[in-house]
Amino acid sequence: MGIQQIRGNLGEFAGAWWLSRNGFRILQRNWRTGRKEIDIIAEKNGTLHIIEVKTRFSDAFGWPEAAVSWKKIGMLEDAARQYMALHPYWKNIQFSVLSLMVEHHMARFAFFEDI
């Protein structure tokens, strides 16, 4: 496992913690269909949330949320369609990004809901 994967796993773990503390119920982590993955699938107030978690340990390459491209959003949509085919009872769905910036032993979470 490379350093990027370790950092990504750390970010997803911290993201699940943050979401839980903010009223979300975590349903799945790292849900896969083929080569596509959803970092976190959660529920809050009857809405299914498809959440991409982005983590950075420096702002040298910009803020984490800036790394979510239109291509990535399209892949999330494709994966979400597969998830919904298996779980068709969800009526409300939102795509969101949870950004985590870790610098100087401090963490900043930013949640971009319903992108």
PDB file of N, CA and C in Angstrom:
ATOM      1  N   MET A   1       0.854  -1.183   0.000  1.00  0.00           N
ATOM      2  CA  MET A   1       0.000   0.000   0.000  1.00  0.00           C
ATOM      3  C   MET A   1       0.894   1.238   0.000  1.00  0.00           C
ATOM      4  N   GLY A   2       0.657   2.139  -0.950  1.00  0.00           N
ATOM      5  CA  GLY A   2       1.466   3.341  -1.069  1.00  0.00           C
ATOM      6  C   GLY A   2       1.000   4.448  -0.129  1.00  0.00           C
ATOM      7  N   ILE A   3       1.817   5.485  -0.016  1.00  0.00           N
ATOM      8  CA  ILE A   3       1.520   6.600   0.890  1.00  0.00           C
ATOM      9  C   ILE A   3       0.225   7.312   0.505  1.00  0.00           C
ATOM     10  N   GLN A   4      -0.045   7.437  -0.797  1.00  0.00           N
ATOM     11  CA  GLN A   4      -1.285   8.100  -1.231  1.00  0.00           C
ATOM     12  C   GLN A   4      -2.513   7.304  -0.775  1.00  0.00           C
ATOM     13  N   GLN A   5      -2.432   5.990  -0.893  1.00  0.00           N
ATOM     14  CA  GLN A   5      -3.555   5.155  -0.478  1.00  0.00           C
ATOM     15  C   GLN A   5      -3.742   5.219   1.038  1.00  0.00           C
ATOM     16  N   ILE A   6      -2.644   5.246   1.778  1.00  0.00           N
ATOM     17  CA  ILE A   6      -2.734   5.369   3.240  1.00  0.00           C
ATOM     18  C   ILE A   6      -3.377   6.695   3.612  1.00  0.00           C
ATOM     19  N   ARG A   7      -2.954   7.764   2.967  1.00  0.00           N
ATOM     20  CA  ARG A   7      -3.539   9.084   3.238  1.00  0.00           C
ATOM     21  C   ARG A   7      -5.016   9.116   2.864  1.00  0.00           C
ATOM     22  N   GLY A   8      -5.351   8.506   1.733  1.00  0.00           N
ATOM     23  CA  GLY A   8      -6.751   8.448   1.314  1.00  0.00           C
ATOM     24  C   GLY A   8      -7.602   7.683   2.308  1.00  0.00           C
ATOM     25  N   ASN A   9      -7.081   6.551   2.784  1.00  0.00           N
ATOM     26  CA  ASN A   9      -7.812   5.766   3.783  1.00  0.00           C
ATOM     27  C   ASN A   9      -7.990   6.554   5.076  1.00  0.00           C
ATOM     28  N   LEU A  10      -6.955   7.269   5.485  1.00  0.00           N
ATOM     29  CA  LEU A  10      -7.047   8.106   6.681  1.00  0.00           C
ATOM     30  C   LEU A  10      -8.123   9.174   6.502  1.00  0.00           C
ATOM     31  N   GLY A  11      -8.137   9.811   5.337  1.00  0.00           N
ATOM     32  CA  GLY A  11      -9.143  10.839   5.049  1.00  0.00           C
ATOM     33  C   GLY A  11     -10.549  10.276   5.063  1.00  0.00           C
ATOM     34  N   GLU A  12     -10.737   9.094   4.493  1.00  0.00           N
ATOM     35  CA  GLU A  12     -12.067   8.475   4.470  1.00  0.00           C
ATOM     36  C   GLU A  12     -12.510   8.069   5.870  1.00  0.00           C
ATOM     37  N   PHE A  13     -11.589   7.570   6.681  1.00  0.00           N
ATOM     38  CA  PHE A  13     -11.906   7.222   8.066  1.00  0.00           C
ATOM     39  C   PHE A  13     -12.322   8.474   8.837  1.00  0.00           C
ATOM     40  N   ALA A  14     -11.521   9.547   8.720  1.00  0.00           N
ATOM     41  CA  ALA A  14     -11.838  10.810   9.395  1.00  0.00           C
ATOM     42  C   ALA A  14     -13.143  11.388   8.851  1.00  0.00           C
ATOM     43  N   GLY A  15     -13.362  11.247   7.552  1.00  0.00           N
ATOM     44  CA  GLY A  15     -14.600  11.742   6.946  1.00  0.00           C
ATOM     45  C   GLY A  15     -15.817  11.022   7.482  1.00  0.00           C
ATOM     46  N   ALA A  16     -15.737   9.703   7.632  1.00  0.00           N
ATOM     47  CA  ALA A  16     -16.850   8.935   8.193  1.00  0.00           C
ATOM     48  C   ALA A  16     -17.120   9.369   9.627  1.00  0.00           C
ATOM     49  N   TRP A  17     -16.054   9.610  10.383  1.00  0.00           N
ATOM     50  CA  TRP A  17     -16.202  10.106  11.757  1.00  0.00           C
ATOM     51  C   TRP A  17     -16.934  11.454  11.760  1.00  0.00           C
ATOM     52  N   TRP A  18     -16.485  12.383  10.909  1.00  0.00           N
ATOM     53  CA  TRP A  18     -17.078  13.721  10.858  1.00  0.00           C
ATOM     54  C   TRP A  18     -18.557  13.646  10.464  1.00  0.00           C
ATOM     55  N   LEU A  19     -18.845  12.847   9.455  1.00  0.00           N
ATOM     56  CA  LEU A  19     -20.235  12.707   9.009  1.00  0.00           C
ATOM     57  C   LEU A  19     -21.105  12.135  10.130  1.00  0.00           C
ATOM     58  N   SER A  20     -20.623  11.115  10.818  1.00  0.00           N
ATOM     59  CA  SER A  20     -21.378  10.527  11.927  1.00  0.00           C
ATOM     60  C   SER A  20     -21.657  11.555  13.014  1.00  0.00           C
ATOM     61  N   ARG A  21     -20.675  12.380  13.312  1.00  0.00           N
ATOM     62  CA  ARG A  21     -20.846  13.424  14.338  1.00  0.00           C
ATOM     63  C   ARG A  21     -21.809  14.519  13.880  1.00  0.00           C
ATOM     64  N   ASN A  22     -22.072  14.573  12.595  1.00  0.00           N
ATOM     65  CA  ASN A  22     -22.958  15.598  12.050  1.00  0.00           C
ATOM     66  C   ASN A  22     -24.290  15.025  11.572  1.00  0.00           C
ATOM     67  N   GLY A  23     -24.689  13.921  12.152  1.00  0.00           N
ATOM     68  CA  GLY A  23     -26.027  13.393  11.932  1.00  0.00           C
ATOM     69  C   GLY A  23     -26.224  12.431  10.786  1.00  0.00           C
ATOM     70  N   PHE A  24     -25.163  12.034  10.113  1.00  0.00           N
ATOM     71  CA  PHE A  24     -25.264  11.077   9.015  1.00  0.00           C
ATOM     72  C   PHE A  24     -25.130   9.660   9.557  1.00  0.00           C
ATOM     73  N   ARG A  25     -25.846   8.740   8.937  1.00  0.00           N
ATOM     74  CA  ARG A  25     -25.712   7.322   9.241  1.00  0.00           C
ATOM     75  C   ARG A  25     -24.942   6.692   8.083  1.00  0.00           C
ATOM     76  N   ILE A  26     -23.763   6.161   8.389  1.00  0.00           N
ATOM     77  CA  ILE A  26     -22.910   5.569   7.357  1.00  0.00           C
ATOM     78  C   ILE A  26     -23.488   4.215   6.963  1.00  0.00           C
ATOM     79  N   LEU A  27     -23.773   4.046   5.675  1.00  0.00           N
ATOM     80  CA  LEU A  27     -24.307   2.785   5.166  1.00  0.00           C
ATOM     81  C   LEU A  27     -23.221   1.918   4.555  1.00  0.00           C
ATOM     82  N   GLN A  28     -22.318   2.527   3.815  1.00  0.00           N
ATOM     83  CA  GLN A  28     -21.250   1.801   3.128  1.00  0.00           C
ATOM     84  C   GLN A  28     -20.018   2.687   3.050  1.00  0.00           C
ATOM     85  N   ARG A  29     -18.856   2.049   3.084  1.00  0.00           N
ATOM     86  CA  ARG A  29     -17.597   2.740   2.792  1.00  0.00           C
ATOM     87  C   ARG A  29     -16.894   1.978   1.690  1.00  0.00           C
ATOM     88  N   ASN A  30     -16.323   2.707   0.761  1.00  0.00           N
ATOM     89  CA  ASN A  30     -15.576   2.116  -0.357  1.00  0.00           C
ATOM     90  C   ASN A  30     -16.403   1.097  -1.129  1.00  0.00           C
ATOM     91  N   TRP A  31     -17.616   1.488  -1.476  1.00  0.00           N
ATOM     92  CA  TRP A  31     -18.501   0.609  -2.241  1.00  0.00           C
ATOM     93  C   TRP A  31     -18.033   0.604  -3.691  1.00  0.00           C
ATOM     94  N   ARG A  32     -17.872  -0.582  -4.258  1.00  0.00           N
ATOM     95  CA  ARG A  32     -17.330  -0.715  -5.612  1.00  0.00           C
ATOM     96  C   ARG A  32     -18.302  -1.407  -6.547  1.00  0.00           C
ATOM     97  N   THR A  33     -18.238  -0.960  -7.785  1.00  0.00           N
ATOM     98  CA  THR A  33     -18.898  -1.647  -8.881  1.00  0.00           C
ATOM     99  C   THR A  33     -17.928  -1.576 -10.052  1.00  0.00           C
ATOM    100  N   GLY A  34     -17.381  -2.705 -10.414  1.00  0.00           N
ATOM    101  CA  GLY A  34     -16.352  -2.710 -11.454  1.00  0.00           C
ATOM    102  C   GLY A  34     -15.165  -1.877 -11.008  1.00  0.00           C
ATOM    103  N   ARG A  35     -14.771  -0.916 -11.817  1.00  0.00           N
ATOM    104  CA  ARG A  35     -13.634  -0.050 -11.486  1.00  0.00           C
ATOM    105  C   ARG A  35     -14.063   1.247 -10.811  1.00  0.00           C
ATOM    106  N   LYS A  36     -15.343   1.418 -10.619  1.00  0.00           N
ATOM    107  CA  LYS A  36     -15.865   2.647 -10.002  1.00  0.00           C
ATOM    108  C   LYS A  36     -16.059   2.429  -8.504  1.00  0.00           C
ATOM    109  N   GLU A  37     -15.847   3.510  -7.733  1.00  0.00           N
ATOM    110  CA  GLU A  37     -15.962   3.415  -6.285  1.00  0.00           C
ATOM    111  C   GLU A  37     -16.669   4.645  -5.734  1.00  0.00           C
ATOM    112  N   ILE A  38     -17.467   4.418  -4.713  1.00  0.00           N
ATOM    113  CA  ILE A  38     -18.071   5.500  -3.933  1.00  0.00           C
ATOM    114  C   ILE A  38     -17.396   5.451  -2.575  1.00  0.00           C
ATOM    115  N   ASP A  39     -16.777   6.566  -2.164  1.00  0.00           N
ATOM    116  CA  ASP A  39     -16.051   6.587  -0.898  1.00  0.00           C
ATOM    117  C   ASP A  39     -16.978   6.298   0.280  1.00  0.00           C
ATOM    118  N   ILE A  40     -18.062   7.077   0.380  1.00  0.00           N
ATOM    119  CA  ILE A  40     -18.999   6.896   1.489  1.00  0.00           C
ATOM    120  C   ILE A  40     -20.425   7.030   0.972  1.00  0.00           C
ATOM    121  N   ILE A  41     -21.253   6.091   1.386  1.00  0.00           N
ATOM    122  CA  ILE A  41     -22.689   6.172   1.146  1.00  0.00           C
ATOM    123  C   ILE A  41     -23.319   6.329   2.518  1.00  0.00           C
ATOM    124  N   ALA A  42     -24.093   7.387   2.681  1.00  0.00           N
ATOM    125  CA  ALA A  42     -24.669   7.691   3.994  1.00  0.00           C
ATOM    126  C   ALA A  42     -26.114   8.129   3.834  1.00  0.00           C
ATOM    127  N   GLU A  43     -26.809   8.163   4.956  1.00  0.00           N
ATOM    128  CA  GLU A  43     -28.214   8.599   4.972  1.00  0.00           C
ATOM    129  C   GLU A  43     -28.370   9.673   6.039  1.00  0.00           C
ATOM    130  N   LYS A  44     -29.169  10.673   5.710  1.00  0.00           N
ATOM    131  CA  LYS A  44     -29.541  11.705   6.677  1.00  0.00           C
ATOM    132  C   LYS A  44     -30.914  12.237   6.282  1.00  0.00           C
ATOM    133  N   ASN A  45     -31.825  12.222   7.232  1.00  0.00           N
ATOM    134  CA  ASN A  45     -33.182  12.749   7.022  1.00  0.00           C
ATOM    135  C   ASN A  45     -33.864  12.138   5.794  1.00  0.00           C
ATOM    136  N   GLY A  46     -33.670  10.840   5.586  1.00  0.00           N
ATOM    137  CA  GLY A  46     -34.342  10.150   4.496  1.00  0.00           C
ATOM    138  C   GLY A  46     -33.717  10.348   3.132  1.00  0.00           C
ATOM    139  N   THR A  47     -32.585  11.036   3.071  1.00  0.00           N
ATOM    140  CA  THR A  47     -31.899  11.268   1.805  1.00  0.00           C
ATOM    141  C   THR A  47     -30.632  10.425   1.745  1.00  0.00           C
ATOM    142  N   LEU A  48     -30.415   9.775   0.611  1.00  0.00           N
ATOM    143  CA  LEU A  48     -29.205   9.006   0.380  1.00  0.00           C
ATOM    144  C   LEU A  48     -28.123   9.972  -0.108  1.00  0.00           C
ATOM    145  N   HIS A  49     -26.959   9.925   0.521  1.00  0.00           N
ATOM    146  CA  HIS A  49     -25.842  10.800   0.159  1.00  0.00           C
ATOM    147  C   HIS A  49     -24.705   9.972  -0.420  1.00  0.00           C
ATOM    148  N   ILE A  50     -24.309  10.301  -1.630  1.00  0.00           N
ATOM    149  CA  ILE A  50     -23.156   9.708  -2.296  1.00  0.00           C
ATOM    150  C   ILE A  50     -22.030  10.716  -2.088  1.00  0.00           C
ATOM    151  N   ILE A  51     -21.008  10.334  -1.318  1.00  0.00           N
ATOM    152  CA  ILE A  51     -20.019  11.309  -0.863  1.00  0.00           C
ATOM    153  C   ILE A  51     -18.621  10.934  -1.343  1.00  0.00           C
ATOM    154  N   GLU A  52     -17.998  11.882  -2.012  1.00  0.00           N
ATOM    155  CA  GLU A  52     -16.601  11.772  -2.412  1.00  0.00           C
ATOM    156  C   GLU A  52     -15.773  12.486  -1.343  1.00  0.00           C
ATOM    157  N   VAL A  53     -14.767  11.812  -0.808  1.00  0.00           N
ATOM    158  CA  VAL A  53     -13.901  12.394   0.209  1.00  0.00           C
ATOM    159  C   VAL A  53     -12.561  12.717  -0.445  1.00  0.00           C
ATOM    160  N   LYS A  54     -12.115  13.955  -0.275  1.00  0.00           N
ATOM    161  CA  LYS A  54     -10.815  14.375  -0.796  1.00  0.00           C
ATOM    162  C   LYS A  54      -9.989  14.923   0.364  1.00  0.00           C
ATOM    163  N   THR A  55      -8.755  14.448   0.460  1.00  0.00           N
ATOM    164  CA  THR A  55      -7.871  14.828   1.556  1.00  0.00           C
ATOM    165  C   THR A  55      -6.570  15.378   0.999  1.00  0.00           C
ATOM    166  N   ARG A  56      -6.085  16.444   1.624  1.00  0.00           N
ATOM    167  CA  ARG A  56      -4.783  17.013   1.284  1.00  0.00           C
ATOM    168  C   ARG A  56      -4.035  17.280   2.594  1.00  0.00           C
ATOM    169  N   PHE A  57      -2.722  17.215   2.505  1.00  0.00           N
ATOM    170  CA  PHE A  57      -1.874  17.506   3.658  1.00  0.00           C
ATOM    171  C   PHE A  57      -1.060  18.772   3.426  1.00  0.00           C
ATOM    172  N   SER A  58      -1.401  19.482   2.370  1.00  0.00           N
ATOM    173  CA  SER A  58      -0.762  20.745   2.029  1.00  0.00           C
ATOM    174  C   SER A  58      -1.639  21.427   0.984  1.00  0.00           C
ATOM    175  N   ASP A  59      -1.571  22.749   0.942  1.00  0.00           N
ATOM    176  CA  ASP A  59      -2.335  23.453  -0.093  1.00  0.00           C
ATOM    177  C   ASP A  59      -1.478  23.722  -1.337  1.00  0.00           C
ATOM    178  N   ALA A  60      -0.328  23.061  -1.430  1.00  0.00           N
ATOM    179  CA  ALA A  60       0.582  23.270  -2.562  1.00  0.00           C
ATOM    180  C   ALA A  60      -0.086  22.958  -3.901  1.00  0.00           C
ATOM    181  N   PHE A  61      -1.036  22.028  -3.904  1.00  0.00           N
ATOM    182  CA  PHE A  61      -1.732  21.672  -5.141  1.00  0.00           C
ATOM    183  C   PHE A  61      -3.188  22.110  -5.109  1.00  0.00           C
ATOM    184  N   GLY A  62      -3.510  23.067  -4.254  1.00  0.00           N
ATOM    185  CA  GLY A  62      -4.871  23.578  -4.162  1.00  0.00           C
ATOM    186  C   GLY A  62      -5.662  22.881  -3.074  1.00  0.00           C
ATOM    187  N   TRP A  63      -6.876  23.332  -2.911  1.00  0.00           N
ATOM    188  CA  TRP A  63      -7.765  22.777  -1.900  1.00  0.00           C
ATOM    189  C   TRP A  63      -8.271  21.409  -2.358  1.00  0.00           C
ATOM    190  N   PRO A  64      -8.555  20.517  -1.431  1.00  0.00           N
ATOM    191  CA  PRO A  64      -8.955  19.158  -1.807  1.00  0.00           C
ATOM    192  C   PRO A  64     -10.174  19.109  -2.727  1.00  0.00           C
ATOM    193  N   GLU A  65     -11.176  19.923  -2.453  1.00  0.00           N
ATOM    194  CA  GLU A  65     -12.411  19.870  -3.240  1.00  0.00           C
ATOM    195  C   GLU A  65     -12.186  20.230  -4.708  1.00  0.00           C
ATOM    196  N   ALA A  66     -11.127  20.967  -4.987  1.00  0.00           N
ATOM    197  CA  ALA A  66     -10.831  21.352  -6.369  1.00  0.00           C
ATOM    198  C   ALA A  66     -10.406  20.149  -7.212  1.00  0.00           C
ATOM    199  N   ALA A  67     -10.060  19.041  -6.561  1.00  0.00           N
ATOM    200  CA  ALA A  67      -9.616  17.845  -7.277  1.00  0.00           C
ATOM    201  C   ALA A  67     -10.775  16.987  -7.777  1.00  0.00           C
ATOM    202  N   VAL A  68     -12.003  17.393  -7.482  1.00  0.00           N
ATOM    203  CA  VAL A  68     -13.163  16.631  -7.947  1.00  0.00           C
ATOM    204  C   VAL A  68     -13.546  17.157  -9.331  1.00  0.00           C
ATOM    205  N   SER A  69     -13.180  16.391 -10.335  1.00  0.00           N
ATOM    206  CA  SER A  69     -13.401  16.804 -11.724  1.00  0.00           C
ATOM    207  C   SER A  69     -14.789  16.385 -12.200  1.00  0.00           C
ATOM    208  N   TRP A  70     -15.171  16.913 -13.356  1.00  0.00           N
ATOM    209  CA  TRP A  70     -16.437  16.500 -13.967  1.00  0.00           C
ATOM    210  C   TRP A  70     -16.395  15.016 -14.317  1.00  0.00           C
ATOM    211  N   LYS A  71     -15.215  14.526 -14.693  1.00  0.00           N
ATOM    212  CA  LYS A  71     -15.065  13.104 -14.993  1.00  0.00           C
ATOM    213  C   LYS A  71     -15.350  12.280 -13.739  1.00  0.00           C
ATOM    214  N   LYS A  72     -14.819  12.714 -12.601  1.00  0.00           N
ATOM    215  CA  LYS A  72     -15.051  12.005 -11.346  1.00  0.00           C
ATOM    216  C   LYS A  72     -16.529  12.033 -10.984  1.00  0.00           C
ATOM    217  N   ILE A  73     -17.184  13.160 -11.164  1.00  0.00           N
ATOM    218  CA  ILE A  73     -18.612  13.260 -10.867  1.00  0.00           C
ATOM    219  C   ILE A  73     -19.399  12.297 -11.761  1.00  0.00           C
ATOM    220  N   GLY A  74     -19.023  12.208 -13.025  1.00  0.00           N
ATOM    221  CA  GLY A  74     -19.675  11.264 -13.932  1.00  0.00           C
ATOM    222  C   GLY A  74     -19.500   9.822 -13.478  1.00  0.00           C
ATOM    223  N   MET A  75     -18.309   9.485 -12.989  1.00  0.00           N
ATOM    224  CA  MET A  75     -18.071   8.133 -12.480  1.00  0.00           C
ATOM    225  C   MET A  75     -18.900   7.871 -11.223  1.00  0.00           C
ATOM    226  N   LEU A  76     -19.037   8.884 -10.368  1.00  0.00           N
ATOM    227  CA  LEU A  76     -19.884   8.742  -9.176  1.00  0.00           C
ATOM    228  C   LEU A  76     -21.337   8.516  -9.577  1.00  0.00           C
ATOM    229  N   GLU A  77     -21.793   9.250 -10.584  1.00  0.00           N
ATOM    230  CA  GLU A  77     -23.168   9.072 -11.059  1.00  0.00           C
ATOM    231  C   GLU A  77     -23.384   7.661 -11.590  1.00  0.00           C
ATOM    232  N   ASP A  78     -22.421   7.161 -12.362  1.00  0.00           N
ATOM    233  CA  ASP A  78     -22.520   5.790 -12.884  1.00  0.00           C
ATOM    234  C   ASP A  78     -22.574   4.777 -11.740  1.00  0.00           C
ATOM    235  N   ALA A  79     -21.689   4.930 -10.765  1.00  0.00           N
ATOM    236  CA  ALA A  79     -21.662   4.011  -9.624  1.00  0.00           C
ATOM    237  C   ALA A  79     -22.961   4.121  -8.826  1.00  0.00           C
ATOM    238  N   ALA A  80     -23.471   5.334  -8.667  1.00  0.00           N
ATOM    239  CA  ALA A  80     -24.721   5.535  -7.917  1.00  0.00           C
ATOM    240  C   ALA A  80     -25.896   4.852  -8.613  1.00  0.00           C
ATOM    241  N   ARG A  81     -25.919   4.887  -9.957  1.00  0.00           N
ATOM    242  CA  ARG A  81     -26.978   4.187 -10.690  1.00  0.00           C
ATOM    243  C   ARG A  81     -26.939   2.689 -10.380  1.00  0.00           C
ATOM    244  N   GLN A  82     -25.747   2.130 -10.326  1.00  0.00           N
ATOM    245  CA  GLN A  82     -25.603   0.711  -9.993  1.00  0.00           C
ATOM    246  C   GLN A  82     -26.081   0.440  -8.562  1.00  0.00           C
ATOM    247  N   TYR A  83     -25.712   1.318  -7.643  1.00  0.00           N
ATOM    248  CA  TYR A  83     -26.135   1.155  -6.245  1.00  0.00           C
ATOM    249  C   TYR A  83     -27.654   1.242  -6.142  1.00  0.00           C
ATOM    250  N   MET A  84     -28.232   2.206  -6.846  1.00  0.00           N
ATOM    251  CA  MET A  84     -29.688   2.405  -6.806  1.00  0.00           C
ATOM    252  C   MET A  84     -30.425   1.212  -7.430  1.00  0.00           C
ATOM    253  N   ALA A  85     -29.824   0.565  -8.412  1.00  0.00           N
ATOM    254  CA  ALA A  85     -30.447  -0.620  -9.004  1.00  0.00           C
ATOM    255  C   ALA A  85     -30.544  -1.744  -7.967  1.00  0.00           C
ATOM    256  N   LEU A  86     -29.574  -1.792  -7.067  1.00  0.00           N
ATOM    257  CA  LEU A  86     -29.577  -2.807  -6.010  1.00  0.00           C
ATOM    258  C   LEU A  86     -30.416  -2.395  -4.800  1.00  0.00           C
ATOM    259  N   HIS A  87     -30.612  -1.097  -4.638  1.00  0.00           N
ATOM    260  CA  HIS A  87     -31.355  -0.541  -3.499  1.00  0.00           C
ATOM    261  C   HIS A  87     -32.387   0.466  -4.023  1.00  0.00           C
ATOM    262  N   PRO A  88     -33.425   0.009  -4.723  1.00  0.00           N
ATOM    263  CA  PRO A  88     -34.338   0.917  -5.429  1.00  0.00           C
ATOM    264  C   PRO A  88     -35.303   1.696  -4.529  1.00  0.00           C
ATOM    265  N   TYR A  89     -35.297   1.454  -3.245  1.00  0.00           N
ATOM    266  CA  TYR A  89     -36.256   2.115  -2.352  1.00  0.00           C
ATOM    267  C   TYR A  89     -35.872   3.549  -2.010  1.00  0.00           C
ATOM    268  N   TRP A  90     -34.681   3.990  -2.376  1.00  0.00           N
ATOM    269  CA  TRP A  90     -34.289   5.377  -2.108  1.00  0.00           C
ATOM    270  C   TRP A  90     -34.938   6.299  -3.132  1.00  0.00           C
ATOM    271  N   LYS A  91     -35.609   7.324  -2.651  1.00  0.00           N
ATOM    272  CA  LYS A  91     -36.270   8.285  -3.544  1.00  0.00           C
ATOM    273  C   LYS A  91     -35.467   9.578  -3.680  1.00  0.00           C
ATOM    274  N   ASN A  92     -34.820   9.995  -2.603  1.00  0.00           N
ATOM    275  CA  ASN A  92     -34.026  11.228  -2.614  1.00  0.00           C
ATOM    276  C   ASN A  92     -32.547  10.874  -2.570  1.00  0.00           C
ATOM    277  N   ILE A  93     -31.787  11.484  -3.479  1.00  0.00           N
ATOM    278  CA  ILE A  93     -30.349  11.214  -3.539  1.00  0.00           C
ATOM    279  C   ILE A  93     -29.614  12.529  -3.763  1.00  0.00           C
ATOM    280  N   GLN A  94     -28.470  12.665  -3.100  1.00  0.00           N
ATOM    281  CA  GLN A  94     -27.625  13.845  -3.273  1.00  0.00           C
ATOM    282  C   GLN A  94     -26.182  13.402  -3.441  1.00  0.00           C
ATOM    283  N   PHE A  95     -25.468  14.144  -4.258  1.00  0.00           N
ATOM    284  CA  PHE A  95     -24.034  13.940  -4.421  1.00  0.00           C
ATOM    285  C   PHE A  95     -23.340  15.063  -3.664  1.00  0.00           C
ATOM    286  N   SER A  96     -22.357  14.705  -2.853  1.00  0.00           N
ATOM    287  CA  SER A  96     -21.672  15.691  -2.027  1.00  0.00           C
ATOM    288  C   SER A  96     -20.183  15.408  -2.006  1.00  0.00           C
ATOM    289  N   VAL A  97     -19.416  16.426  -1.613  1.00  0.00           N
ATOM    290  CA  VAL A  97     -17.967  16.296  -1.468  1.00  0.00           C
ATOM    291  C   VAL A  97     -17.608  16.707  -0.045  1.00  0.00           C
ATOM    292  N   LEU A  98     -16.824  15.867   0.608  1.00  0.00           N
ATOM    293  CA  LEU A  98     -16.278  16.195   1.918  1.00  0.00           C
ATOM    294  C   LEU A  98     -14.784  16.411   1.738  1.00  0.00           C
ATOM    295  N   SER A  99     -14.362  17.621   2.036  1.00  0.00           N
ATOM    296  CA  SER A  99     -12.980  18.029   1.854  1.00  0.00           C
ATOM    297  C   SER A  99     -12.293  18.062   3.220  1.00  0.00           C
ATOM    298  N   LEU A 100     -11.094  17.497   3.274  1.00  0.00           N
ATOM    299  CA  LEU A 100     -10.325  17.479   4.514  1.00  0.00           C
ATOM    300  C   LEU A 100      -8.922  17.995   4.232  1.00  0.00           C
ATOM    301  N   MET A 101      -8.572  19.105   4.881  1.00  0.00           N
ATOM    302  CA  MET A 101      -7.227  19.665   4.773  1.00  0.00           C
ATOM    303  C   MET A 101      -6.547  19.476   6.124  1.00  0.00           C
ATOM    304  N   VAL A 102      -5.425  18.768   6.106  1.00  0.00           N
ATOM    305  CA  VAL A 102      -4.670  18.514   7.333  1.00  0.00           C
ATOM    306  C   VAL A 102      -3.335  19.227   7.215  1.00  0.00           C
ATOM    307  N   GLU A 103      -3.128  20.208   8.097  1.00  0.00           N
ATOM    308  CA  GLU A 103      -1.869  20.958   8.123  1.00  0.00           C
ATOM    309  C   GLU A 103      -1.544  21.326   9.559  1.00  0.00           C
ATOM    310  N   HIS A 104      -0.286  21.210   9.906  1.00  0.00           N
ATOM    311  CA  HIS A 104       0.188  21.627  11.230  1.00  0.00           C
ATOM    312  C   HIS A 104      -0.629  20.982  12.348  1.00  0.00           C
ATOM    313  N   HIS A 105      -0.909  19.707  12.210  1.00  0.00           N
ATOM    314  CA  HIS A 105      -1.650  18.937  13.223  1.00  0.00           C
ATOM    315  C   HIS A 105      -3.069  19.453  13.435  1.00  0.00           C
ATOM    316  N   MET A 106      -3.596  20.144  12.459  1.00  0.00           N
ATOM    317  CA  MET A 106      -4.970  20.655  12.512  1.00  0.00           C
ATOM    318  C   MET A 106      -5.723  20.136  11.291  1.00  0.00           C
ATOM    319  N   ALA A 107      -7.007  19.857  11.472  1.00  0.00           N
ATOM    320  CA  ALA A 107      -7.830  19.372  10.364  1.00  0.00           C
ATOM    321  C   ALA A 107      -8.970  20.349  10.111  1.00  0.00           C
ATOM    322  N   ARG A 108      -9.212  20.638   8.831  1.00  0.00           N
ATOM    323  CA  ARG A 108     -10.336  21.492   8.434  1.00  0.00           C
ATOM    324  C   ARG A 108     -11.226  20.672   7.522  1.00  0.00           C
ATOM    325  N   PHE A 109     -12.485  20.524   7.933  1.00  0.00           N
ATOM    326  CA  PHE A 109     -13.475  19.829   7.124  1.00  0.00           C
ATOM    327  C   PHE A 109     -14.354  20.867   6.436  1.00  0.00           C
ATOM    328  N   ALA A 110     -14.665  20.636   5.190  1.00  0.00           N
ATOM    329  CA  ALA A 110     -15.618  21.456   4.461  1.00  0.00           C
ATOM    330  C   ALA A 110     -16.554  20.488   3.715  1.00  0.00           C
ATOM    331  N   PHE A 111     -17.846  20.693   3.876  1.00  0.00           N
ATOM    332  CA  PHE A 111     -18.821  19.794   3.269  1.00  0.00           C
ATOM    333  C   PHE A 111     -19.590  20.556   2.207  1.00  0.00           C
ATOM    334  N   PHE A 112     -19.532  20.064   0.980  1.00  0.00           N
ATOM    335  CA  PHE A 112     -20.214  20.669  -0.147  1.00  0.00           C
ATOM    336  C   PHE A 112     -21.360  19.736  -0.524  1.00  0.00           C
ATOM    337  N   GLU A 113     -22.540  20.102  -0.093  1.00  0.00           N
ATOM    338  CA  GLU A 113     -23.702  19.239  -0.216  1.00  0.00           C
ATOM    339  C   GLU A 113     -24.464  19.510  -1.511  1.00  0.00           C
ATOM    340  N   ASP A 114     -24.956  18.446  -2.116  1.00  0.00           N
ATOM    341  CA  ASP A 114     -25.813  18.525  -3.290  1.00  0.00           C
ATOM    342  C   ASP A 114     -25.140  19.267  -4.440  1.00  0.00           C
ATOM    343  N   ILE A 115     -23.990  18.740  -4.838  1.00  0.00           N
ATOM    344  CA  ILE A 115     -23.219  19.401  -5.908  1.00  0.00           C
ATOM    345  C   ILE A 115     -23.841  19.146  -7.277  1.00  0.00           C
TER     346      ILE A 115
END
